[in-house]
Amino acid sequence: QSDDYKTYYKHNLKLVQTLEERQANVRNAGERGNQRMIDRGKLTARQRLELLLDPDSPFLELSSLAAYEMYNNETPGAGLITGIGIVNGIECVIVVNNPAIKGGTTYPISLVKSLRAQEIAITNHLPMINLVESGGANLPHQSEIFVPGGRGFANQARLSGLGIPQISIVFGNSTAGGAYIPGMSDYT
């Protein structure tokens, strides 16, 4: 009941509200692109994810605020959805390209986010599922992409060497670096 407690409580409540608002903005990102996909008879990134996961199972989304206030806010969530979900009763690390955001192109921070997902899969021996529709590297940032991109491909080789399955499902264009992910997966 102290004044300090009430002050901190009010402050922390505002922080939680801000976090929830920012996460909602990321979840709703790419509305114009999502509508374009729906008009073309395609599923949105979040619809793809929902259909992949076991019904009524939890999904722990990771790094949802990656790229926050970066690149003029043009790539919310770094253009990816990453997390841990249950598929056919098995916990898996899942990476979903969001083609509604800049055609699913990869920014430097997108690679940081996907490298973290790979690290979690390697550390915890969890299968990886990639839902791919990617325009490859975002060309204005390509000079910052090659080194971490190469690390991602090396991680794919490590996953294979450790016997950790990688599955890629390709939903559309998968150009340049976006083609290597399914190309290096165990199953496509």
N, C-alpha and C. Protein backbone atom coordinates (compact mmCIF):
# COMPACT_ATOMS: atom_id res chain seq x y z
N GLN A 1 0.80 -1.21 0.00
CA GLN A 1 0.00 0.00 0.00
C GLN A 1 0.85 1.28 0.00
N SER A 2 2.18 1.14 -0.04
CA SER A 2 3.04 2.32 0.04
C SER A 2 2.93 3.16 -1.23
N ASP A 3 3.28 4.43 -1.10
CA ASP A 3 3.27 5.33 -2.25
C ASP A 3 4.28 4.88 -3.30
N ASP A 4 5.46 4.42 -2.85
CA ASP A 4 6.47 3.93 -3.79
C ASP A 4 5.92 2.76 -4.61
N TYR A 5 5.30 1.82 -3.92
CA TYR A 5 4.74 0.67 -4.61
C TYR A 5 3.72 1.11 -5.66
N LYS A 6 2.83 1.99 -5.29
CA LYS A 6 1.78 2.46 -6.21
C LYS A 6 2.40 3.16 -7.42
N THR A 7 3.44 3.95 -7.18
CA THR A 7 4.13 4.65 -8.27
C THR A 7 4.78 3.65 -9.23
N TYR A 8 5.51 2.68 -8.67
CA TYR A 8 6.17 1.68 -9.51
C TYR A 8 5.14 0.81 -10.24
N TYR A 9 4.08 0.46 -9.54
CA TYR A 9 3.04 -0.36 -10.16
C TYR A 9 2.44 0.36 -11.36
N LYS A 10 2.10 1.61 -11.18
CA LYS A 10 1.52 2.41 -12.28
C LYS A 10 2.51 2.52 -13.44
N HIS A 11 3.77 2.77 -13.12
CA HIS A 11 4.82 2.87 -14.15
C HIS A 11 4.96 1.55 -14.92
N ASN A 12 5.01 0.44 -14.19
CA ASN A 12 5.17 -0.87 -14.84
C ASN A 12 3.94 -1.26 -15.65
N LEU A 13 2.77 -0.87 -15.20
CA LEU A 13 1.55 -1.12 -15.96
C LEU A 13 1.61 -0.42 -17.32
N LYS A 14 2.12 0.82 -17.33
CA LYS A 14 2.28 1.56 -18.59
C LYS A 14 3.28 0.85 -19.50
N LEU A 15 4.36 0.34 -18.92
CA LEU A 15 5.35 -0.38 -19.72
C LEU A 15 4.75 -1.64 -20.34
N VAL A 16 3.96 -2.37 -19.58
CA VAL A 16 3.30 -3.58 -20.11
C VAL A 16 2.35 -3.20 -21.24
N GLN A 17 1.59 -2.12 -21.05
CA GLN A 17 0.66 -1.66 -22.08
C GLN A 17 1.43 -1.27 -23.35
N THR A 18 2.54 -0.58 -23.20
CA THR A 18 3.36 -0.20 -24.35
C THR A 18 3.87 -1.44 -25.08
N LEU A 19 4.36 -2.41 -24.32
CA LEU A 19 4.83 -3.66 -24.93
C LEU A 19 3.71 -4.34 -25.69
N GLU A 20 2.54 -4.46 -25.10
CA GLU A 20 1.40 -5.11 -25.76
C GLU A 20 1.00 -4.38 -27.03
N GLU A 21 1.04 -3.05 -27.01
CA GLU A 21 0.70 -2.26 -28.20
C GLU A 21 1.72 -2.49 -29.31
N ARG A 22 2.99 -2.49 -28.95
CA ARG A 22 4.04 -2.70 -29.95
C ARG A 22 3.95 -4.10 -30.55
N GLN A 23 3.69 -5.10 -29.71
CA GLN A 23 3.55 -6.46 -30.23
C GLN A 23 2.32 -6.58 -31.14
N ALA A 24 1.23 -5.92 -30.79
CA ALA A 24 0.03 -5.93 -31.64
C ALA A 24 0.32 -5.27 -32.98
N ASN A 25 1.09 -4.18 -32.96
CA ASN A 25 1.46 -3.52 -34.23
C ASN A 25 2.25 -4.46 -35.13
N VAL A 26 3.15 -5.23 -34.54
CA VAL A 26 3.94 -6.18 -35.33
C VAL A 26 3.04 -7.28 -35.88
N ARG A 27 2.14 -7.81 -35.04
CA ARG A 27 1.24 -8.87 -35.49
C ARG A 27 0.33 -8.41 -36.62
N ASN A 28 -0.01 -7.13 -36.64
CA ASN A 28 -0.90 -6.59 -37.67
C ASN A 28 -0.13 -5.93 -38.81
N ALA A 29 1.18 -6.07 -38.80
CA ALA A 29 2.01 -5.41 -39.82
C ALA A 29 1.75 -5.98 -41.21
N GLY A 30 1.95 -5.15 -42.19
CA GLY A 30 1.81 -5.59 -43.57
C GLY A 30 0.38 -5.79 -44.01
N GLU A 31 -0.55 -5.01 -43.43
CA GLU A 31 -1.97 -5.19 -43.77
C GLU A 31 -2.23 -5.07 -45.26
N ARG A 32 -1.61 -4.07 -45.91
CA ARG A 32 -1.80 -3.91 -47.36
C ARG A 32 -1.27 -5.12 -48.10
N GLY A 33 -0.07 -5.57 -47.70
CA GLY A 33 0.51 -6.75 -48.33
C GLY A 33 -0.30 -8.01 -48.04
N ASN A 34 -0.82 -8.12 -46.82
CA ASN A 34 -1.68 -9.26 -46.49
C ASN A 34 -2.92 -9.28 -47.37
N GLN A 35 -3.53 -8.11 -47.56
CA GLN A 35 -4.74 -8.04 -48.40
C GLN A 35 -4.41 -8.43 -49.84
N ARG A 36 -3.25 -8.01 -50.31
CA ARG A 36 -2.82 -8.36 -51.67
C ARG A 36 -2.66 -9.88 -51.78
N MET A 37 -2.11 -10.50 -50.74
CA MET A 37 -1.95 -11.96 -50.75
C MET A 37 -3.32 -12.65 -50.75
N ILE A 38 -4.22 -12.17 -49.92
CA ILE A 38 -5.57 -12.75 -49.84
C ILE A 38 -6.27 -12.60 -51.19
N ASP A 39 -6.12 -11.43 -51.82
CA ASP A 39 -6.74 -11.20 -53.14
C ASP A 39 -6.20 -12.16 -54.19
N ARG A 40 -4.96 -12.61 -54.01
CA ARG A 40 -4.34 -13.57 -54.94
C ARG A 40 -4.62 -15.02 -54.55
N GLY A 41 -5.43 -15.21 -53.51
CA GLY A 41 -5.77 -16.56 -53.07
C GLY A 41 -4.68 -17.23 -52.25
N LYS A 42 -3.80 -16.43 -51.65
CA LYS A 42 -2.71 -16.98 -50.84
C LYS A 42 -2.99 -16.78 -49.37
N LEU A 43 -2.35 -17.59 -48.55
CA LEU A 43 -2.45 -17.46 -47.11
C LEU A 43 -1.45 -16.42 -46.62
N THR A 44 -1.80 -15.70 -45.56
CA THR A 44 -0.85 -14.78 -44.94
C THR A 44 0.15 -15.60 -44.12
N ALA A 45 1.22 -14.96 -43.70
CA ALA A 45 2.25 -15.65 -42.92
C ALA A 45 1.66 -16.23 -41.63
N ARG A 46 0.84 -15.48 -40.95
CA ARG A 46 0.26 -15.96 -39.69
C ARG A 46 -0.77 -17.06 -39.93
N GLN A 47 -1.48 -17.02 -41.04
CA GLN A 47 -2.40 -18.11 -41.38
C GLN A 47 -1.62 -19.40 -41.65
N ARG A 48 -0.50 -19.26 -42.36
CA ARG A 48 0.35 -20.43 -42.64
C ARG A 48 0.82 -21.06 -41.33
N LEU A 49 1.28 -20.22 -40.43
CA LEU A 49 1.76 -20.70 -39.14
C LEU A 49 0.64 -21.39 -38.38
N GLU A 50 -0.51 -20.78 -38.33
CA GLU A 50 -1.65 -21.35 -37.60
C GLU A 50 -2.02 -22.73 -38.14
N LEU A 51 -2.00 -22.89 -39.46
CA LEU A 51 -2.34 -24.19 -40.04
C LEU A 51 -1.27 -25.24 -39.77
N LEU A 52 -0.03 -24.81 -39.61
CA LEU A 52 1.07 -25.74 -39.33
C LEU A 52 0.99 -26.30 -37.91
N LEU A 53 0.68 -25.43 -36.96
CA LEU A 53 0.70 -25.82 -35.55
C LEU A 53 -0.45 -26.77 -35.21
N ASP A 54 -0.20 -27.65 -34.24
CA ASP A 54 -1.27 -28.50 -33.73
C ASP A 54 -2.38 -27.60 -33.18
N PRO A 55 -3.65 -27.98 -33.43
CA PRO A 55 -4.76 -27.14 -32.94
C PRO A 55 -4.69 -26.95 -31.43
N ASP A 56 -4.99 -25.73 -31.02
CA ASP A 56 -5.06 -25.36 -29.60
C ASP A 56 -3.75 -25.58 -28.85
N SER A 57 -2.64 -25.64 -29.56
CA SER A 57 -1.35 -25.80 -28.88
C SER A 57 -0.69 -24.43 -28.73
N PRO A 58 0.19 -24.28 -27.76
CA PRO A 58 0.83 -22.98 -27.54
C PRO A 58 1.90 -22.70 -28.61
N PHE A 59 2.15 -21.42 -28.84
CA PHE A 59 3.24 -20.97 -29.69
C PHE A 59 3.97 -19.87 -28.95
N LEU A 60 5.25 -20.09 -28.68
CA LEU A 60 6.07 -19.10 -28.00
C LEU A 60 6.79 -18.28 -29.06
N GLU A 61 6.28 -17.09 -29.34
CA GLU A 61 6.89 -16.25 -30.37
C GLU A 61 8.14 -15.60 -29.79
N LEU A 62 9.20 -15.61 -30.58
CA LEU A 62 10.49 -15.07 -30.17
C LEU A 62 10.82 -13.80 -30.95
N SER A 63 11.49 -12.89 -30.30
CA SER A 63 12.05 -11.70 -30.96
C SER A 63 11.01 -10.93 -31.77
N SER A 64 9.80 -10.82 -31.25
CA SER A 64 8.73 -10.17 -32.01
C SER A 64 9.02 -8.70 -32.29
N LEU A 65 9.82 -8.06 -31.46
CA LEU A 65 10.11 -6.65 -31.67
C LEU A 65 11.45 -6.40 -32.37
N ALA A 66 12.01 -7.44 -32.97
CA ALA A 66 13.24 -7.24 -33.74
C ALA A 66 12.97 -6.21 -34.84
N ALA A 67 13.91 -5.36 -35.09
CA ALA A 67 13.84 -4.28 -36.09
C ALA A 67 12.97 -3.11 -35.65
N TYR A 68 12.58 -3.09 -34.38
CA TYR A 68 11.77 -1.98 -33.90
C TYR A 68 12.54 -0.68 -34.06
N GLU A 69 11.93 0.27 -34.72
CA GLU A 69 12.51 1.58 -35.01
C GLU A 69 13.81 1.50 -35.81
N MET A 70 13.95 0.45 -36.60
CA MET A 70 15.10 0.33 -37.51
C MET A 70 14.58 0.44 -38.95
N TYR A 71 15.45 0.82 -39.86
CA TYR A 71 15.12 0.87 -41.29
C TYR A 71 13.81 1.64 -41.54
N ASN A 72 13.64 2.75 -40.88
CA ASN A 72 12.43 3.57 -41.01
C ASN A 72 11.16 2.77 -40.74
N ASN A 73 11.24 1.78 -39.88
CA ASN A 73 10.10 0.93 -39.50
C ASN A 73 9.46 0.21 -40.69
N GLU A 74 10.25 -0.05 -41.73
CA GLU A 74 9.67 -0.71 -42.91
C GLU A 74 9.68 -2.23 -42.83
N THR A 75 10.25 -2.80 -41.79
CA THR A 75 10.29 -4.25 -41.67
C THR A 75 9.94 -4.70 -40.24
N PRO A 76 8.68 -4.51 -39.85
CA PRO A 76 8.28 -4.90 -38.49
C PRO A 76 8.58 -6.37 -38.21
N GLY A 77 9.06 -6.64 -37.01
CA GLY A 77 9.39 -8.03 -36.64
C GLY A 77 10.52 -8.60 -37.47
N ALA A 78 11.27 -7.73 -38.15
CA ALA A 78 12.37 -8.12 -39.04
C ALA A 78 11.86 -8.94 -40.23
N GLY A 79 10.55 -8.82 -40.50
CA GLY A 79 9.98 -9.52 -41.66
C GLY A 79 9.86 -11.03 -41.47
N LEU A 80 10.01 -11.48 -40.23
CA LEU A 80 9.94 -12.91 -39.92
C LEU A 80 9.09 -13.14 -38.69
N ILE A 81 8.51 -14.32 -38.62
CA ILE A 81 7.91 -14.79 -37.38
C ILE A 81 8.78 -15.97 -36.96
N THR A 82 9.29 -15.94 -35.74
CA THR A 82 10.06 -17.07 -35.23
C THR A 82 9.49 -17.48 -33.89
N GLY A 83 9.63 -18.76 -33.58
CA GLY A 83 9.16 -19.22 -32.29
C GLY A 83 9.25 -20.72 -32.14
N ILE A 84 8.71 -21.19 -31.05
CA ILE A 84 8.68 -22.62 -30.75
C ILE A 84 7.21 -23.02 -30.67
N GLY A 85 6.86 -24.03 -31.47
CA GLY A 85 5.49 -24.50 -31.50
C GLY A 85 5.45 -26.01 -31.62
N ILE A 86 4.27 -26.55 -31.48
CA ILE A 86 4.09 -28.00 -31.52
C ILE A 86 3.47 -28.39 -32.85
N VAL A 87 4.17 -29.30 -33.55
CA VAL A 87 3.71 -29.81 -34.84
C VAL A 87 3.70 -31.32 -34.74
N ASN A 88 2.52 -31.90 -34.92
CA ASN A 88 2.36 -33.36 -34.82
C ASN A 88 2.90 -33.88 -33.48
N GLY A 89 2.66 -33.10 -32.43
CA GLY A 89 3.05 -33.51 -31.09
C GLY A 89 4.51 -33.29 -30.75
N ILE A 90 5.27 -32.67 -31.64
CA ILE A 90 6.71 -32.47 -31.44
C ILE A 90 7.01 -30.98 -31.36
N GLU A 91 7.76 -30.57 -30.32
CA GLU A 91 8.19 -29.17 -30.23
C GLU A 91 9.20 -28.89 -31.35
N CYS A 92 8.97 -27.80 -32.07
CA CYS A 92 9.84 -27.43 -33.20
C CYS A 92 10.13 -25.93 -33.15
N VAL A 93 11.28 -25.56 -33.68
CA VAL A 93 11.58 -24.16 -33.92
C VAL A 93 11.04 -23.85 -35.31
N ILE A 94 10.30 -22.76 -35.42
CA ILE A 94 9.64 -22.41 -36.67
C ILE A 94 10.07 -21.00 -37.08
N VAL A 95 10.43 -20.86 -38.36
CA VAL A 95 10.77 -19.56 -38.93
C VAL A 95 9.86 -19.35 -40.14
N VAL A 96 9.13 -18.24 -40.14
CA VAL A 96 8.18 -17.96 -41.21
C VAL A 96 8.56 -16.63 -41.86
N ASN A 97 8.86 -16.66 -43.15
CA ASN A 97 9.05 -15.41 -43.89
C ASN A 97 7.70 -14.73 -44.01
N ASN A 98 7.67 -13.41 -43.90
CA ASN A 98 6.43 -12.67 -44.08
C ASN A 98 6.51 -11.90 -45.41
N PRO A 99 5.99 -12.48 -46.49
CA PRO A 99 6.08 -11.83 -47.79
C PRO A 99 5.24 -10.57 -47.90
N ALA A 100 4.37 -10.31 -46.92
CA ALA A 100 3.57 -9.09 -46.93
C ALA A 100 4.42 -7.88 -46.52
N ILE A 101 5.62 -8.14 -46.00
CA ILE A 101 6.52 -7.06 -45.59
C ILE A 101 7.72 -7.09 -46.52
N LYS A 102 7.76 -6.12 -47.42
CA LYS A 102 8.89 -5.98 -48.36
C LYS A 102 9.17 -7.27 -49.14
N GLY A 103 8.12 -7.99 -49.49
CA GLY A 103 8.28 -9.21 -50.29
C GLY A 103 9.04 -10.31 -49.58
N GLY A 104 9.09 -10.23 -48.26
CA GLY A 104 9.82 -11.26 -47.51
C GLY A 104 11.33 -11.12 -47.62
N THR A 105 11.81 -9.95 -48.06
CA THR A 105 13.25 -9.78 -48.21
C THR A 105 13.95 -9.77 -46.85
N THR A 106 15.22 -10.11 -46.89
CA THR A 106 16.02 -10.27 -45.69
C THR A 106 16.85 -9.02 -45.43
N TYR A 107 16.72 -8.49 -44.24
CA TYR A 107 17.52 -7.37 -43.76
C TYR A 107 18.59 -7.93 -42.84
N PRO A 108 19.61 -7.16 -42.52
CA PRO A 108 20.62 -7.66 -41.58
C PRO A 108 20.01 -8.14 -40.25
N ILE A 109 19.04 -7.41 -39.72
CA ILE A 109 18.42 -7.81 -38.46
C ILE A 109 17.58 -9.08 -38.62
N SER A 110 17.07 -9.31 -39.82
CA SER A 110 16.34 -10.55 -40.09
C SER A 110 17.25 -11.74 -39.89
N LEU A 111 18.50 -11.60 -40.32
CA LEU A 111 19.46 -12.68 -40.15
C LEU A 111 19.80 -12.89 -38.68
N VAL A 112 19.93 -11.81 -37.93
CA VAL A 112 20.19 -11.95 -36.49
C VAL A 112 19.05 -12.74 -35.84
N LYS A 113 17.83 -12.42 -36.22
CA LYS A 113 16.66 -13.11 -35.66
C LYS A 113 16.65 -14.58 -36.07
N SER A 114 16.92 -14.88 -37.32
CA SER A 114 16.91 -16.28 -37.76
C SER A 114 18.10 -17.06 -37.20
N LEU A 115 19.26 -16.39 -37.03
CA LEU A 115 20.41 -17.06 -36.41
C LEU A 115 20.08 -17.43 -34.97
N ARG A 116 19.36 -16.58 -34.27
CA ARG A 116 18.96 -16.89 -32.89
C ARG A 116 18.04 -18.11 -32.87
N ALA A 117 17.12 -18.19 -33.81
CA ALA A 117 16.22 -19.35 -33.89
C ALA A 117 17.02 -20.62 -34.15
N GLN A 118 18.02 -20.55 -35.04
CA GLN A 118 18.87 -21.72 -35.32
C GLN A 118 19.65 -22.13 -34.07
N GLU A 119 20.17 -21.14 -33.35
CA GLU A 119 20.92 -21.41 -32.12
C GLU A 119 20.05 -22.16 -31.11
N ILE A 120 18.80 -21.73 -30.98
CA ILE A 120 17.87 -22.40 -30.07
C ILE A 120 17.62 -23.83 -30.52
N ALA A 121 17.46 -24.04 -31.82
CA ALA A 121 17.25 -25.40 -32.35
C ALA A 121 18.46 -26.28 -32.08
N ILE A 122 19.66 -25.76 -32.29
CA ILE A 122 20.88 -26.54 -32.07
C ILE A 122 21.05 -26.86 -30.59
N THR A 123 20.91 -25.86 -29.74
CA THR A 123 21.11 -26.05 -28.30
C THR A 123 20.12 -27.05 -27.71
N ASN A 124 18.88 -27.01 -28.19
CA ASN A 124 17.82 -27.83 -27.60
C ASN A 124 17.46 -29.05 -28.46
N HIS A 125 18.22 -29.28 -29.53
CA HIS A 125 17.97 -30.41 -30.45
C HIS A 125 16.51 -30.46 -30.89
N LEU A 126 16.01 -29.30 -31.33
CA LEU A 126 14.64 -29.21 -31.81
C LEU A 126 14.63 -29.16 -33.34
N PRO A 127 13.75 -29.92 -33.97
CA PRO A 127 13.63 -29.82 -35.43
C PRO A 127 13.29 -28.39 -35.84
N MET A 128 13.71 -28.01 -37.05
CA MET A 128 13.43 -26.67 -37.58
C MET A 128 12.51 -26.78 -38.77
N ILE A 129 11.51 -25.93 -38.77
CA ILE A 129 10.59 -25.83 -39.91
C ILE A 129 10.65 -24.40 -40.42
N ASN A 130 10.91 -24.26 -41.72
CA ASN A 130 10.95 -22.95 -42.37
C ASN A 130 9.79 -22.85 -43.34
N LEU A 131 8.97 -21.81 -43.20
CA LEU A 131 7.91 -21.52 -44.16
C LEU A 131 8.43 -20.38 -45.02
N VAL A 132 8.79 -20.71 -46.25
CA VAL A 132 9.61 -19.82 -47.07
C VAL A 132 8.80 -19.17 -48.20
N GLU A 133 8.89 -17.87 -48.26
CA GLU A 133 8.53 -17.07 -49.43
C GLU A 133 9.35 -15.80 -49.27
N SER A 134 10.46 -15.74 -49.98
CA SER A 134 11.43 -14.69 -49.72
C SER A 134 12.02 -14.13 -51.01
N GLY A 135 12.16 -12.83 -51.03
CA GLY A 135 12.81 -12.17 -52.14
C GLY A 135 14.32 -12.13 -51.97
N GLY A 136 14.87 -12.89 -51.02
CA GLY A 136 16.31 -12.89 -50.78
C GLY A 136 16.74 -11.64 -50.05
N ALA A 137 17.99 -11.26 -50.24
CA ALA A 137 18.56 -10.10 -49.54
C ALA A 137 17.90 -8.81 -49.99
N ASN A 138 17.64 -7.92 -49.04
CA ASN A 138 17.18 -6.58 -49.37
C ASN A 138 18.40 -5.85 -49.93
N LEU A 139 18.37 -5.57 -51.22
CA LEU A 139 19.58 -5.13 -51.93
C LEU A 139 20.27 -3.89 -51.37
N PRO A 140 19.55 -2.87 -50.89
CA PRO A 140 20.28 -1.74 -50.32
C PRO A 140 21.14 -2.12 -49.10
N HIS A 141 20.86 -3.27 -48.50
CA HIS A 141 21.60 -3.69 -47.31
C HIS A 141 22.46 -4.93 -47.58
N GLN A 142 22.63 -5.28 -48.83
CA GLN A 142 23.30 -6.55 -49.14
C GLN A 142 24.72 -6.65 -48.61
N SER A 143 25.43 -5.55 -48.52
CA SER A 143 26.81 -5.62 -48.03
C SER A 143 26.88 -6.05 -46.57
N GLU A 144 25.79 -5.85 -45.82
CA GLU A 144 25.74 -6.23 -44.41
C GLU A 144 25.16 -7.63 -44.21
N ILE A 145 24.81 -8.29 -45.29
CA ILE A 145 24.08 -9.55 -45.20
C ILE A 145 24.95 -10.77 -45.44
N PHE A 146 25.98 -10.66 -46.24
CA PHE A 146 26.70 -11.86 -46.67
C PHE A 146 27.36 -12.64 -45.54
N VAL A 147 28.01 -11.97 -44.61
CA VAL A 147 28.69 -12.69 -43.52
C VAL A 147 27.69 -13.40 -42.61
N PRO A 148 26.69 -12.68 -42.06
CA PRO A 148 25.74 -13.43 -41.21
C PRO A 148 24.91 -14.43 -42.02
N GLY A 149 24.67 -14.13 -43.29
CA GLY A 149 23.95 -15.08 -44.14
C GLY A 149 24.74 -16.37 -44.29
N GLY A 150 26.04 -16.25 -44.46
CA GLY A 150 26.90 -17.44 -44.53
C GLY A 150 26.89 -18.22 -43.24
N ARG A 151 26.81 -17.51 -42.11
CA ARG A 151 26.72 -18.18 -40.81
C ARG A 151 25.43 -18.99 -40.71
N GLY A 152 24.35 -18.45 -41.27
CA GLY A 152 23.08 -19.18 -41.27
C GLY A 152 23.17 -20.47 -42.07
N PHE A 153 23.85 -20.41 -43.21
CA PHE A 153 24.00 -21.63 -44.02
C PHE A 153 24.92 -22.62 -43.32
N ALA A 154 25.95 -22.11 -42.64
CA ALA A 154 26.82 -23.00 -41.85
C ALA A 154 26.03 -23.67 -40.73
N ASN A 155 25.12 -22.91 -40.11
CA ASN A 155 24.27 -23.50 -39.07
C ASN A 155 23.38 -24.59 -39.64
N GLN A 156 22.91 -24.40 -40.85
CA GLN A 156 22.09 -25.44 -41.47
C GLN A 156 22.91 -26.72 -41.64
N ALA A 157 24.16 -26.57 -42.02
CA ALA A 157 25.03 -27.74 -42.14
C ALA A 157 25.26 -28.38 -40.76
N ARG A 158 25.43 -27.55 -39.73
CA ARG A 158 25.59 -28.08 -38.37
C ARG A 158 24.36 -28.84 -37.92
N LEU A 159 23.18 -28.28 -38.19
CA LEU A 159 21.93 -28.96 -37.84
C LEU A 159 21.88 -30.34 -38.49
N SER A 160 22.21 -30.40 -39.77
CA SER A 160 22.21 -31.68 -40.48
C SER A 160 23.22 -32.63 -39.86
N GLY A 161 24.41 -32.13 -39.56
CA GLY A 161 25.46 -32.95 -38.96
C GLY A 161 25.07 -33.51 -37.60
N LEU A 162 24.25 -32.76 -36.88
CA LEU A 162 23.78 -33.21 -35.57
C LEU A 162 22.54 -34.11 -35.67
N GLY A 163 22.06 -34.31 -36.88
CA GLY A 163 20.88 -35.15 -37.07
C GLY A 163 19.59 -34.45 -36.68
N ILE A 164 19.61 -33.13 -36.63
CA ILE A 164 18.41 -32.36 -36.30
C ILE A 164 17.69 -32.03 -37.61
N PRO A 165 16.48 -32.57 -37.80
CA PRO A 165 15.80 -32.39 -39.08
C PRO A 165 15.45 -30.93 -39.37
N GLN A 166 15.57 -30.58 -40.65
CA GLN A 166 15.14 -29.27 -41.15
C GLN A 166 14.15 -29.51 -42.27
N ILE A 167 13.03 -28.86 -42.16
CA ILE A 167 11.98 -29.00 -43.17
C ILE A 167 11.67 -27.61 -43.69
N SER A 168 11.60 -27.46 -45.00
CA SER A 168 11.18 -26.19 -45.59
C SER A 168 9.95 -26.42 -46.44
N ILE A 169 9.00 -25.52 -46.29
CA ILE A 169 7.80 -25.53 -47.12
C ILE A 169 7.85 -24.22 -47.89
N VAL A 170 7.88 -24.31 -49.21
CA VAL A 170 8.02 -23.14 -50.07
C VAL A 170 6.64 -22.74 -50.59
N PHE A 171 6.27 -21.48 -50.36
CA PHE A 171 4.94 -20.99 -50.71
C PHE A 171 4.93 -20.09 -51.94
N GLY A 172 6.08 -19.72 -52.43
CA GLY A 172 6.13 -18.78 -53.55
C GLY A 172 7.58 -18.51 -53.90
N ASN A 173 7.83 -17.30 -54.37
CA ASN A 173 9.19 -16.93 -54.76
C ASN A 173 10.17 -17.23 -53.63
N SER A 174 11.30 -17.74 -54.02
CA SER A 174 12.35 -18.06 -53.07
C SER A 174 13.67 -17.80 -53.80
N THR A 175 13.99 -16.53 -53.95
CA THR A 175 15.13 -16.15 -54.78
C THR A 175 16.38 -15.92 -53.96
N ALA A 176 17.51 -16.01 -54.63
CA ALA A 176 18.83 -15.72 -54.05
C ALA A 176 19.01 -16.49 -52.75
N GLY A 177 19.36 -15.79 -51.65
CA GLY A 177 19.58 -16.44 -50.37
C GLY A 177 18.35 -17.19 -49.88
N GLY A 178 17.17 -16.74 -50.26
CA GLY A 178 15.94 -17.43 -49.88
C GLY A 178 15.84 -18.82 -50.46
N ALA A 179 16.57 -19.08 -51.55
CA ALA A 179 16.54 -20.41 -52.17
C ALA A 179 17.48 -21.38 -51.46
N TYR A 180 18.49 -20.87 -50.78
CA TYR A 180 19.45 -21.74 -50.10
C TYR A 180 18.82 -22.46 -48.91
N ILE A 181 17.92 -21.80 -48.23
CA ILE A 181 17.32 -22.41 -47.05
C ILE A 181 16.61 -23.71 -47.42
N PRO A 182 15.67 -23.70 -48.37
CA PRO A 182 15.07 -24.99 -48.75
C PRO A 182 16.07 -25.90 -49.43
N GLY A 183 17.02 -25.32 -50.15
CA GLY A 183 18.03 -26.14 -50.83
C GLY A 183 18.92 -26.92 -49.88
N MET A 184 19.14 -26.39 -48.69
CA MET A 184 19.99 -27.05 -47.70
C MET A 184 19.19 -27.81 -46.64
N SER A 185 17.87 -27.78 -46.74
CA SER A 185 17.03 -28.49 -45.77
C SER A 185 17.03 -29.98 -46.07
N ASP A 186 16.70 -30.78 -45.05
CA ASP A 186 16.61 -32.22 -45.23
C ASP A 186 15.39 -32.60 -46.06
N TYR A 187 14.32 -31.83 -45.87
CA TYR A 187 13.08 -32.10 -46.62
C TYR A 187 12.53 -30.77 -47.12
N THR A 188 12.08 -30.74 -48.36
CA THR A 188 11.47 -29.54 -48.93
C THR A 188 10.14 -29.91 -49.57
